[in-house]
Structure formats: structure tokens, C-alpha cells
N, C-alpha and C. Protein backbone atom coordinates (compact mmCIF):
# COMPACT_ATOMS: atom_id res chain seq x y z
N MET A 1 -26.01 -121.14 108.19
CA MET A 1 -27.41 -121.45 107.99
C MET A 1 -27.50 -122.81 107.32
N SER A 2 -28.45 -123.65 107.74
CA SER A 2 -28.62 -124.96 107.13
C SER A 2 -29.30 -124.81 105.78
N GLU A 3 -29.35 -125.92 105.06
CA GLU A 3 -29.98 -125.91 103.74
C GLU A 3 -31.45 -125.53 103.83
N TYR A 4 -32.11 -125.93 104.92
CA TYR A 4 -33.54 -125.65 105.09
C TYR A 4 -33.76 -124.72 106.27
N SER A 5 -34.75 -123.84 106.12
CA SER A 5 -35.09 -122.92 107.20
C SER A 5 -36.51 -122.43 107.00
N TRP A 6 -37.12 -121.98 108.08
CA TRP A 6 -38.43 -121.36 108.02
C TRP A 6 -38.22 -119.87 107.83
N PRO A 7 -39.19 -119.16 107.28
CA PRO A 7 -39.02 -117.73 107.02
C PRO A 7 -38.57 -116.93 108.24
N GLY A 8 -39.12 -117.17 109.41
CA GLY A 8 -38.76 -116.42 110.60
C GLY A 8 -37.35 -116.69 111.11
N GLU A 9 -36.72 -117.75 110.63
CA GLU A 9 -35.37 -118.11 111.08
C GLU A 9 -34.28 -117.35 110.33
N ASN A 10 -34.66 -116.58 109.34
CA ASN A 10 -33.68 -115.87 108.51
C ASN A 10 -33.65 -114.38 108.81
N GLY A 11 -34.05 -114.02 110.02
CA GLY A 11 -34.03 -112.62 110.40
C GLY A 11 -35.14 -111.81 109.76
N ARG A 12 -36.07 -112.46 109.17
CA ARG A 12 -37.18 -111.79 108.47
C ARG A 12 -38.41 -111.81 109.37
N HIS A 13 -39.01 -110.65 109.61
CA HIS A 13 -40.25 -110.59 110.38
C HIS A 13 -41.40 -111.05 109.50
N LEU A 14 -42.15 -112.03 110.00
CA LEU A 14 -43.30 -112.52 109.25
C LEU A 14 -44.52 -111.67 109.58
N PRO A 15 -45.22 -111.22 108.55
CA PRO A 15 -46.41 -110.42 108.81
C PRO A 15 -47.55 -111.28 109.35
N ASP A 16 -48.49 -110.65 110.01
CA ASP A 16 -49.71 -111.33 110.42
C ASP A 16 -50.63 -111.28 109.21
N VAL A 17 -50.60 -112.34 108.41
CA VAL A 17 -51.29 -112.32 107.12
C VAL A 17 -52.81 -112.47 107.24
N GLY A 18 -53.29 -112.96 108.37
CA GLY A 18 -54.72 -113.18 108.54
C GLY A 18 -55.59 -111.96 108.30
N PRO A 19 -55.34 -110.83 108.98
CA PRO A 19 -56.20 -109.66 108.81
C PRO A 19 -56.21 -109.11 107.38
N ALA A 20 -55.14 -109.28 106.66
CA ALA A 20 -55.06 -108.72 105.31
C ALA A 20 -55.34 -109.75 104.22
N TRP A 21 -55.78 -110.97 104.62
CA TRP A 21 -55.92 -112.05 103.64
C TRP A 21 -56.88 -111.72 102.50
N SER A 22 -58.06 -111.21 102.80
CA SER A 22 -59.02 -110.93 101.71
C SER A 22 -58.47 -109.88 100.75
N GLU A 23 -57.73 -108.89 101.26
CA GLU A 23 -57.11 -107.89 100.40
C GLU A 23 -55.99 -108.52 99.56
N THR A 24 -55.25 -109.45 100.14
CA THR A 24 -54.19 -110.14 99.41
C THR A 24 -54.77 -110.93 98.24
N VAL A 25 -55.85 -111.68 98.49
CA VAL A 25 -56.49 -112.47 97.43
C VAL A 25 -57.00 -111.55 96.32
N ARG A 26 -57.56 -110.40 96.71
CA ARG A 26 -58.07 -109.44 95.72
C ARG A 26 -56.92 -108.86 94.89
N ALA A 27 -55.81 -108.56 95.54
CA ALA A 27 -54.67 -107.93 94.86
C ALA A 27 -53.87 -108.93 94.02
N LEU A 28 -53.97 -110.22 94.36
CA LEU A 28 -53.17 -111.23 93.66
C LEU A 28 -54.06 -112.36 93.13
N PRO A 29 -54.93 -112.07 92.15
CA PRO A 29 -55.78 -113.14 91.61
C PRO A 29 -54.94 -114.18 90.85
N ILE A 30 -55.53 -115.33 90.63
CA ILE A 30 -54.87 -116.39 89.86
C ILE A 30 -54.39 -115.81 88.53
N SER A 31 -53.21 -116.21 88.09
CA SER A 31 -52.55 -115.79 86.85
C SER A 31 -51.78 -114.48 86.96
N THR A 32 -51.80 -113.84 88.14
CA THR A 32 -51.05 -112.61 88.32
C THR A 32 -49.56 -112.91 88.31
N ARG A 33 -48.79 -112.14 87.57
CA ARG A 33 -47.33 -112.26 87.57
C ARG A 33 -46.80 -111.58 88.83
N VAL A 34 -45.89 -112.25 89.54
CA VAL A 34 -45.34 -111.71 90.77
C VAL A 34 -43.82 -111.87 90.78
N THR A 35 -43.19 -111.04 91.61
CA THR A 35 -41.77 -111.20 91.91
C THR A 35 -41.66 -111.28 93.42
N GLY A 36 -40.60 -111.87 93.88
CA GLY A 36 -40.44 -111.96 95.32
C GLY A 36 -39.05 -112.43 95.69
N GLU A 37 -38.81 -112.39 96.99
CA GLU A 37 -37.53 -112.82 97.55
C GLU A 37 -37.76 -114.10 98.34
N VAL A 38 -36.89 -115.08 98.15
CA VAL A 38 -36.99 -116.32 98.91
C VAL A 38 -36.62 -116.02 100.36
N ILE A 39 -37.55 -116.33 101.29
CA ILE A 39 -37.32 -116.06 102.70
C ILE A 39 -37.25 -117.33 103.54
N GLY A 40 -37.46 -118.47 102.93
CA GLY A 40 -37.36 -119.75 103.64
C GLY A 40 -37.37 -120.90 102.66
N ARG A 41 -36.71 -121.98 103.04
CA ARG A 41 -36.63 -123.19 102.20
C ARG A 41 -36.96 -124.40 103.04
N GLN A 42 -37.79 -125.26 102.48
CA GLN A 42 -38.11 -126.54 103.11
C GLN A 42 -38.09 -127.62 102.02
N PRO A 43 -38.04 -128.88 102.38
CA PRO A 43 -38.00 -129.92 101.36
C PRO A 43 -39.21 -129.88 100.41
N PHE A 44 -40.31 -129.27 100.85
CA PHE A 44 -41.51 -129.21 100.02
C PHE A 44 -41.61 -127.95 99.17
N GLY A 45 -40.68 -126.99 99.31
CA GLY A 45 -40.72 -125.79 98.49
C GLY A 45 -40.07 -124.60 99.16
N VAL A 46 -40.31 -123.41 98.58
CA VAL A 46 -39.73 -122.18 99.12
C VAL A 46 -40.82 -121.18 99.47
N PHE A 47 -40.59 -120.42 100.53
CA PHE A 47 -41.49 -119.35 100.94
C PHE A 47 -40.98 -118.05 100.34
N LEU A 48 -41.91 -117.19 99.93
CA LEU A 48 -41.57 -115.95 99.25
C LEU A 48 -42.19 -114.75 99.93
N ALA A 49 -41.42 -113.67 100.02
CA ALA A 49 -41.96 -112.37 100.37
C ALA A 49 -42.29 -111.73 99.03
N LEU A 50 -43.57 -111.49 98.77
CA LEU A 50 -44.01 -111.02 97.46
C LEU A 50 -43.90 -109.50 97.36
N ALA A 51 -43.23 -109.03 96.34
CA ALA A 51 -43.04 -107.60 96.13
C ALA A 51 -44.40 -106.91 95.99
N GLY A 52 -44.53 -105.78 96.68
CA GLY A 52 -45.75 -105.00 96.59
C GLY A 52 -46.87 -105.49 97.49
N CYS A 53 -46.68 -106.62 98.15
CA CYS A 53 -47.70 -107.17 99.05
C CYS A 53 -47.03 -107.55 100.37
N PRO A 54 -46.76 -106.57 101.23
CA PRO A 54 -46.02 -106.85 102.46
C PRO A 54 -46.73 -107.80 103.41
N ASP A 55 -48.05 -107.96 103.26
CA ASP A 55 -48.80 -108.84 104.15
C ASP A 55 -49.09 -110.19 103.51
N ALA A 56 -48.30 -110.58 102.51
CA ALA A 56 -48.52 -111.86 101.83
C ALA A 56 -47.29 -112.74 101.93
N VAL A 57 -47.53 -114.04 102.02
CA VAL A 57 -46.45 -115.02 101.96
C VAL A 57 -46.79 -115.97 100.82
N GLY A 58 -45.85 -116.11 99.89
CA GLY A 58 -46.04 -117.02 98.78
C GLY A 58 -45.35 -118.34 99.06
N LEU A 59 -45.81 -119.39 98.39
CA LEU A 59 -45.19 -120.70 98.50
C LEU A 59 -45.08 -121.30 97.11
N ALA A 60 -43.86 -121.62 96.71
CA ALA A 60 -43.62 -122.35 95.47
C ALA A 60 -43.31 -123.78 95.88
N ARG A 61 -44.25 -124.68 95.58
CA ARG A 61 -44.11 -126.07 96.03
C ARG A 61 -43.18 -126.86 95.12
N ILE A 62 -42.47 -127.79 95.72
CA ILE A 62 -41.49 -128.59 95.00
C ILE A 62 -42.16 -129.53 93.98
N ASP A 63 -43.43 -129.87 94.17
CA ASP A 63 -44.09 -130.76 93.20
C ASP A 63 -44.25 -130.11 91.83
N ARG A 64 -43.95 -128.83 91.74
CA ARG A 64 -43.98 -128.13 90.45
C ARG A 64 -42.57 -127.88 89.91
N MET A 65 -41.55 -128.33 90.63
CA MET A 65 -40.17 -128.07 90.25
C MET A 65 -39.64 -129.18 89.35
N PRO A 66 -39.05 -128.83 88.21
CA PRO A 66 -38.44 -129.86 87.36
C PRO A 66 -37.32 -130.58 88.12
N ARG A 67 -37.19 -131.86 87.86
CA ARG A 67 -36.22 -132.69 88.58
C ARG A 67 -34.79 -132.22 88.42
N CYS A 68 -34.49 -131.57 87.32
CA CYS A 68 -33.11 -131.17 87.06
C CYS A 68 -32.74 -129.85 87.74
N MET A 69 -33.69 -129.21 88.39
CA MET A 69 -33.42 -127.91 89.00
C MET A 69 -33.31 -128.05 90.52
N GLU A 70 -32.84 -127.00 91.15
CA GLU A 70 -32.74 -126.96 92.60
C GLU A 70 -33.58 -125.82 93.14
N LEU A 71 -33.90 -125.92 94.42
CA LEU A 71 -34.63 -124.83 95.07
C LEU A 71 -33.77 -123.58 95.06
N PRO A 72 -34.37 -122.42 94.79
CA PRO A 72 -33.59 -121.18 94.88
C PRO A 72 -33.15 -120.93 96.32
N ALA A 73 -32.06 -120.21 96.47
CA ALA A 73 -31.47 -119.93 97.78
C ALA A 73 -32.22 -118.81 98.49
N VAL A 74 -32.14 -118.82 99.82
CA VAL A 74 -32.70 -117.72 100.62
C VAL A 74 -32.02 -116.43 100.16
N GLY A 75 -32.83 -115.40 99.94
CA GLY A 75 -32.33 -114.12 99.47
C GLY A 75 -32.40 -113.94 97.97
N GLN A 76 -32.58 -115.04 97.23
CA GLN A 76 -32.65 -114.95 95.77
C GLN A 76 -33.97 -114.32 95.33
N GLN A 77 -33.92 -113.48 94.31
CA GLN A 77 -35.12 -112.88 93.71
C GLN A 77 -35.64 -113.82 92.65
N VAL A 78 -36.95 -114.06 92.62
CA VAL A 78 -37.58 -114.95 91.66
C VAL A 78 -38.82 -114.30 91.08
N THR A 79 -39.28 -114.82 89.97
CA THR A 79 -40.53 -114.37 89.36
C THR A 79 -41.42 -115.59 89.15
N GLY A 80 -42.70 -115.35 89.05
CA GLY A 80 -43.62 -116.46 88.84
C GLY A 80 -45.03 -115.98 88.61
N GLU A 81 -45.95 -116.91 88.77
CA GLU A 81 -47.36 -116.64 88.53
C GLU A 81 -48.18 -117.26 89.66
N VAL A 82 -49.19 -116.51 90.13
CA VAL A 82 -50.08 -117.02 91.18
C VAL A 82 -50.91 -118.15 90.59
N VAL A 83 -50.91 -119.32 91.28
CA VAL A 83 -51.66 -120.47 90.78
C VAL A 83 -52.75 -120.95 91.75
N TRP A 84 -52.71 -120.53 93.02
CA TRP A 84 -53.75 -120.89 93.97
C TRP A 84 -53.66 -120.00 95.21
N HIS A 85 -54.74 -120.06 96.00
CA HIS A 85 -54.80 -119.38 97.30
C HIS A 85 -55.21 -120.44 98.33
N ALA A 86 -54.54 -120.48 99.47
CA ALA A 86 -54.88 -121.44 100.53
C ALA A 86 -55.44 -120.64 101.71
N ASP A 87 -56.76 -120.63 101.84
CA ASP A 87 -57.41 -119.89 102.90
C ASP A 87 -57.04 -120.39 104.29
N HIS A 88 -56.83 -121.69 104.46
CA HIS A 88 -56.59 -122.25 105.79
C HIS A 88 -55.26 -121.79 106.39
N ASN A 89 -54.26 -121.49 105.57
CA ASN A 89 -52.99 -121.02 106.13
C ASN A 89 -52.51 -119.71 105.50
N HIS A 90 -53.39 -119.08 104.74
CA HIS A 90 -53.14 -117.76 104.15
C HIS A 90 -51.87 -117.71 103.30
N GLN A 91 -51.75 -118.68 102.40
CA GLN A 91 -50.61 -118.70 101.49
C GLN A 91 -51.07 -118.51 100.06
N VAL A 92 -50.21 -117.87 99.30
CA VAL A 92 -50.43 -117.67 97.87
C VAL A 92 -49.52 -118.64 97.14
N GLY A 93 -50.10 -119.54 96.37
CA GLY A 93 -49.30 -120.51 95.62
C GLY A 93 -48.71 -119.87 94.39
N VAL A 94 -47.42 -120.09 94.17
CA VAL A 94 -46.72 -119.47 93.05
C VAL A 94 -46.00 -120.55 92.24
N ALA A 95 -46.17 -120.53 90.92
CA ALA A 95 -45.38 -121.38 90.02
C ALA A 95 -44.25 -120.50 89.52
N LEU A 96 -43.03 -120.87 89.86
CA LEU A 96 -41.88 -120.05 89.47
C LEU A 96 -41.66 -120.10 87.96
N GLY A 97 -41.34 -118.94 87.39
CA GLY A 97 -41.12 -118.84 85.95
C GLY A 97 -40.01 -119.75 85.47
N GLU A 98 -38.93 -119.87 86.26
CA GLU A 98 -37.81 -120.72 85.87
C GLU A 98 -38.25 -122.17 85.76
N TRP A 99 -39.21 -122.57 86.59
CA TRP A 99 -39.70 -123.94 86.57
C TRP A 99 -40.68 -124.14 85.42
N ALA A 100 -41.52 -123.14 85.17
CA ALA A 100 -42.54 -123.26 84.14
C ALA A 100 -41.92 -123.42 82.75
N GLU A 101 -40.77 -122.79 82.54
CA GLU A 101 -40.11 -122.90 81.23
C GLU A 101 -39.80 -124.35 80.90
N HIS A 102 -39.60 -125.20 81.91
CA HIS A 102 -39.28 -126.59 81.68
C HIS A 102 -40.52 -127.47 81.61
N GLY A 103 -41.65 -126.93 82.01
CA GLY A 103 -42.84 -127.75 82.23
C GLY A 103 -43.52 -128.34 81.02
N ASP A 104 -43.69 -127.60 79.97
CA ASP A 104 -44.51 -128.07 78.86
C ASP A 104 -43.65 -128.69 77.76
N LEU A 105 -43.42 -129.98 77.89
CA LEU A 105 -42.59 -130.67 76.90
C LEU A 105 -43.25 -130.71 75.53
N SER A 106 -44.60 -130.80 75.49
CA SER A 106 -45.29 -130.87 74.20
C SER A 106 -45.06 -129.62 73.37
N ALA A 107 -45.01 -128.47 74.03
CA ALA A 107 -44.77 -127.23 73.30
C ALA A 107 -43.33 -127.18 72.78
N ARG A 108 -42.40 -127.70 73.57
CA ARG A 108 -41.00 -127.68 73.17
C ARG A 108 -40.67 -128.79 72.18
N PHE A 109 -41.40 -129.91 72.27
CA PHE A 109 -41.11 -131.08 71.43
C PHE A 109 -42.41 -131.66 70.88
N PRO A 110 -42.99 -131.02 69.85
CA PRO A 110 -44.24 -131.55 69.30
C PRO A 110 -44.01 -132.89 68.59
N SER A 111 -44.98 -133.78 68.72
CA SER A 111 -44.90 -135.08 68.06
C SER A 111 -44.68 -134.90 66.57
N GLY A 112 -43.80 -135.72 66.02
CA GLY A 112 -43.50 -135.68 64.60
C GLY A 112 -42.33 -134.79 64.23
N GLU A 113 -41.95 -133.89 65.13
CA GLU A 113 -40.84 -132.98 64.86
C GLU A 113 -39.52 -133.74 64.89
N THR A 114 -38.60 -133.35 64.01
CA THR A 114 -37.27 -133.94 63.99
C THR A 114 -36.31 -132.97 64.65
N VAL A 115 -35.50 -133.50 65.58
CA VAL A 115 -34.54 -132.68 66.32
C VAL A 115 -33.20 -133.42 66.35
N VAL A 116 -32.16 -132.69 66.68
CA VAL A 116 -30.84 -133.28 66.81
C VAL A 116 -30.48 -133.33 68.29
N GLY A 117 -29.95 -134.47 68.71
CA GLY A 117 -29.52 -134.64 70.08
C GLY A 117 -28.20 -135.37 70.13
N ARG A 118 -27.69 -135.54 71.35
CA ARG A 118 -26.42 -136.23 71.55
C ARG A 118 -26.68 -137.53 72.30
N ILE A 119 -26.13 -138.63 71.82
CA ILE A 119 -26.30 -139.93 72.47
C ILE A 119 -25.55 -139.91 73.80
N THR A 120 -26.28 -140.25 74.88
CA THR A 120 -25.65 -140.26 76.20
C THR A 120 -25.39 -141.67 76.70
N LYS A 121 -26.19 -142.64 76.24
CA LYS A 121 -26.02 -144.01 76.72
C LYS A 121 -26.67 -144.98 75.73
N ILE A 122 -26.04 -146.13 75.56
CA ILE A 122 -26.61 -147.20 74.74
C ILE A 122 -26.78 -148.41 75.64
N THR A 123 -28.03 -148.89 75.77
CA THR A 123 -28.34 -150.00 76.65
C THR A 123 -29.21 -151.00 75.89
N PRO A 124 -29.45 -152.17 76.46
CA PRO A 124 -30.37 -153.12 75.83
C PRO A 124 -31.80 -152.56 75.68
N SER A 125 -32.17 -151.60 76.55
CA SER A 125 -33.51 -151.03 76.45
C SER A 125 -33.60 -149.91 75.44
N GLY A 126 -32.47 -149.51 74.85
CA GLY A 126 -32.50 -148.50 73.79
C GLY A 126 -31.36 -147.51 73.90
N VAL A 127 -31.49 -146.48 73.07
CA VAL A 127 -30.47 -145.44 72.98
C VAL A 127 -31.03 -144.18 73.64
N PHE A 128 -30.33 -143.67 74.64
CA PHE A 128 -30.74 -142.45 75.32
C PHE A 128 -30.10 -141.25 74.63
N VAL A 129 -30.92 -140.23 74.36
CA VAL A 129 -30.48 -139.06 73.61
C VAL A 129 -30.78 -137.80 74.40
N HIS A 130 -29.74 -137.00 74.66
CA HIS A 130 -29.89 -135.71 75.35
C HIS A 130 -30.43 -134.70 74.34
N LEU A 131 -31.62 -134.14 74.64
CA LEU A 131 -32.24 -133.19 73.72
C LEU A 131 -31.95 -131.75 74.11
N CYS A 132 -31.96 -131.45 75.41
CA CYS A 132 -31.66 -130.13 75.94
C CYS A 132 -31.56 -130.25 77.45
N ASP A 133 -31.29 -129.15 78.15
CA ASP A 133 -31.22 -129.21 79.61
C ASP A 133 -32.49 -129.86 80.15
N CYS A 134 -32.32 -130.82 81.02
CA CYS A 134 -33.41 -131.50 81.71
C CYS A 134 -34.21 -132.47 80.86
N VAL A 135 -33.89 -132.62 79.61
CA VAL A 135 -34.71 -133.49 78.76
C VAL A 135 -33.83 -134.50 78.03
N GLU A 136 -34.13 -135.77 78.31
CA GLU A 136 -33.46 -136.86 77.62
C GLU A 136 -34.55 -137.76 77.07
N GLY A 137 -34.37 -138.24 75.84
CA GLY A 137 -35.35 -139.12 75.22
C GLY A 137 -34.77 -140.50 75.02
N LEU A 138 -35.64 -141.44 74.68
CA LEU A 138 -35.24 -142.82 74.47
C LEU A 138 -35.69 -143.28 73.09
N VAL A 139 -34.74 -143.87 72.35
CA VAL A 139 -35.05 -144.56 71.11
C VAL A 139 -35.03 -146.04 71.47
N PRO A 140 -36.23 -146.66 71.63
CA PRO A 140 -36.23 -148.07 72.01
C PRO A 140 -35.82 -148.95 70.83
N PRO A 141 -35.31 -150.15 71.11
CA PRO A 141 -34.99 -151.05 70.00
C PRO A 141 -36.27 -151.48 69.31
N THR A 142 -36.27 -151.47 67.99
CA THR A 142 -37.48 -151.79 67.24
C THR A 142 -37.45 -153.17 66.64
N GLY A 143 -36.27 -153.72 66.47
CA GLY A 143 -36.18 -155.05 65.89
C GLY A 143 -36.07 -155.05 64.38
N GLU A 144 -36.43 -153.93 63.74
CA GLU A 144 -36.33 -153.85 62.29
C GLU A 144 -36.26 -152.39 61.84
N GLY A 145 -35.78 -152.16 60.64
CA GLY A 145 -35.74 -150.82 60.06
C GLY A 145 -34.72 -149.92 60.72
N PRO A 146 -34.77 -148.61 60.38
CA PRO A 146 -33.82 -147.66 60.96
C PRO A 146 -33.94 -147.63 62.48
N GLY A 147 -32.84 -147.64 63.16
CA GLY A 147 -32.83 -147.58 64.61
C GLY A 147 -32.90 -148.94 65.26
N ALA A 148 -33.05 -150.01 64.45
CA ALA A 148 -33.15 -151.34 65.02
C ALA A 148 -31.81 -151.80 65.58
N SER A 149 -30.76 -151.34 64.98
CA SER A 149 -29.44 -151.75 65.40
C SER A 149 -28.70 -150.55 65.99
N THR A 150 -27.85 -150.83 66.93
CA THR A 150 -27.03 -149.75 67.49
C THR A 150 -25.69 -149.68 66.78
N GLU A 151 -25.56 -150.45 65.70
CA GLU A 151 -24.33 -150.44 64.91
C GLU A 151 -24.03 -149.03 64.43
N GLY A 152 -22.82 -148.60 64.58
CA GLY A 152 -22.42 -147.28 64.12
C GLY A 152 -22.75 -146.17 65.10
N LEU A 153 -23.51 -146.48 66.14
CA LEU A 153 -23.85 -145.47 67.14
C LEU A 153 -22.84 -145.55 68.27
N ARG A 154 -22.52 -144.40 68.83
CA ARG A 154 -21.63 -144.37 69.98
C ARG A 154 -21.98 -143.18 70.86
N GLU A 155 -21.69 -143.31 72.13
CA GLU A 155 -21.97 -142.23 73.07
C GLU A 155 -21.22 -140.97 72.66
N GLY A 156 -21.90 -139.84 72.77
CA GLY A 156 -21.31 -138.55 72.40
C GLY A 156 -21.62 -138.13 70.98
N ARG A 157 -22.08 -139.05 70.15
CA ARG A 157 -22.37 -138.74 68.74
C ARG A 157 -23.69 -137.99 68.61
N GLN A 158 -23.74 -137.05 67.68
CA GLN A 158 -24.98 -136.34 67.36
C GLN A 158 -25.85 -137.26 66.51
N ILE A 159 -27.17 -137.19 66.73
CA ILE A 159 -28.09 -138.03 65.99
C ILE A 159 -29.39 -137.27 65.75
N SER A 160 -29.99 -137.45 64.59
CA SER A 160 -31.30 -136.86 64.29
C SER A 160 -32.37 -137.85 64.71
N VAL A 161 -33.32 -137.37 65.50
CA VAL A 161 -34.40 -138.21 66.00
C VAL A 161 -35.74 -137.51 65.77
N ARG A 162 -36.80 -138.33 65.69
CA ARG A 162 -38.16 -137.82 65.53
C ARG A 162 -38.89 -138.02 66.86
N ILE A 163 -39.62 -137.00 67.30
CA ILE A 163 -40.41 -137.08 68.54
C ILE A 163 -41.63 -137.96 68.25
N VAL A 164 -41.78 -139.05 69.01
CA VAL A 164 -42.92 -139.95 68.83
C VAL A 164 -44.03 -139.55 69.81
N THR A 165 -43.73 -139.55 71.11
CA THR A 165 -44.70 -139.14 72.13
C THR A 165 -43.97 -138.51 73.31
N VAL A 166 -44.74 -137.78 74.11
CA VAL A 166 -44.22 -137.16 75.33
C VAL A 166 -45.04 -137.68 76.50
N ASP A 167 -44.37 -138.23 77.51
CA ASP A 167 -45.01 -138.71 78.73
C ASP A 167 -44.80 -137.64 79.80
N HIS A 168 -45.84 -136.82 80.03
CA HIS A 168 -45.72 -135.71 80.97
C HIS A 168 -45.52 -136.17 82.40
N GLU A 169 -46.22 -137.22 82.81
CA GLU A 169 -46.12 -137.69 84.19
C GLU A 169 -44.71 -138.10 84.54
N ARG A 170 -44.05 -138.81 83.65
CA ARG A 170 -42.70 -139.30 83.93
C ARG A 170 -41.64 -138.42 83.31
N HIS A 171 -42.05 -137.32 82.67
CA HIS A 171 -41.14 -136.35 82.07
C HIS A 171 -40.17 -137.07 81.11
N ARG A 172 -40.76 -137.86 80.21
CA ARG A 172 -39.96 -138.61 79.26
C ARG A 172 -40.43 -138.36 77.84
N VAL A 173 -39.51 -138.54 76.92
CA VAL A 173 -39.80 -138.36 75.50
C VAL A 173 -39.41 -139.64 74.78
N LEU A 174 -40.36 -140.20 74.03
CA LEU A 174 -40.11 -141.39 73.22
C LEU A 174 -39.71 -140.93 71.83
N LEU A 175 -38.60 -141.50 71.34
CA LEU A 175 -38.02 -141.06 70.07
C LEU A 175 -37.93 -142.21 69.07
N ALA A 176 -37.71 -141.84 67.82
CA ALA A 176 -37.38 -142.79 66.76
C ALA A 176 -36.25 -142.14 65.96
N VAL A 177 -35.38 -142.98 65.40
CA VAL A 177 -34.32 -142.44 64.56
C VAL A 177 -34.96 -141.80 63.35
N ALA A 178 -34.57 -140.57 63.04
CA ALA A 178 -35.12 -139.85 61.89
C ALA A 178 -34.56 -140.47 60.62
N VAL A 179 -35.44 -140.73 59.68
CA VAL A 179 -35.03 -141.27 58.39
C VAL A 179 -34.78 -140.08 57.47
N PRO A 180 -33.55 -140.01 56.89
CA PRO A 180 -33.23 -138.86 56.04
C PRO A 180 -34.07 -138.79 54.78
């Protein structure tokens, strides 16, 4: 089997979702927690057979997937939350739980909080610090005070940094060296 496939190409019979669409929307309102099996993969996301709703097809779109993750494999069981309904093609939009855990950087890294990370790279544009899976921050050169010099810093070293801001669009965290 290739990396990508449509649901019907995996030996799975696709239901005729049209006649049951209004019942599907009623049974799966926005914010409903769902589980399902991946029945197809495309570059834009994965199709899901939703447990308890045999006449529904879910779609978890890749635009909601963190860059550090991969699409789940066909046959994999996943959990998520209903985020939209598409009447024109009778699909239930699902945000996968595994992806949502990575989504809200502000909750994980509130501004002003001091955290410890590992230096991954030192460049003229600053010091890159690995904070956790999928999250790396930047301590830009300041020209003065703590963090102005990269003296004594080396890749692999642990460093205490303060969260300055979080850029959600670019999934970046701006840091400053924490002053003890």
C-alpha cells in the first residue's frame, strides 16, 4: 500500500453518508469527543471511520497537525473532538487529541515563566533552545546585559530561559536568558 490512499482503497466499504447526514450532525455536535479508525490518508489529512456512527466519515485536516508530527497510519485508532460539519460533502471535521496537545503554546509556556531547556544551536541570529518535543525557542542577541554574549554557552548545555512571547502563527517562542 502506498503512503496515501482513499478510504475505499483499503478494503473498507464507504457508507452512503447522504441519507443519514442530518442524524450524524445531531449525534455529533461540535465539541463532541470521538474515537475512530484511520481508513484513508491524503496529503491534506486523514479520513476516519467514527466509532458508534457507521454512516459518518470524519476528516482530520493536516492544517491542524503540528509540524513535528506525522499523519497516523491506516488502521490506527485515534481520538479527537468534532470541530466542524461540511454539508457539501458530508464530512465531520475532527481535531485529533494528539495534535491538540501540541497546539496551545501559551498554556504550556506562559509569558514571564522561567523554564530550563537545552541549547541546540548558536548562530549570529541568536541561541536556539529546545524546550520540549516540537518546541524550540530563540534567545536573540541583545547587545547588552545577560544573554548579550554567547561566551560560555555551548550546544547541548542546559540553560534557564524566560518566556518573552509566543508566536502562534509561526509556532515560535521568543526567549531571554533568565537572570538568577
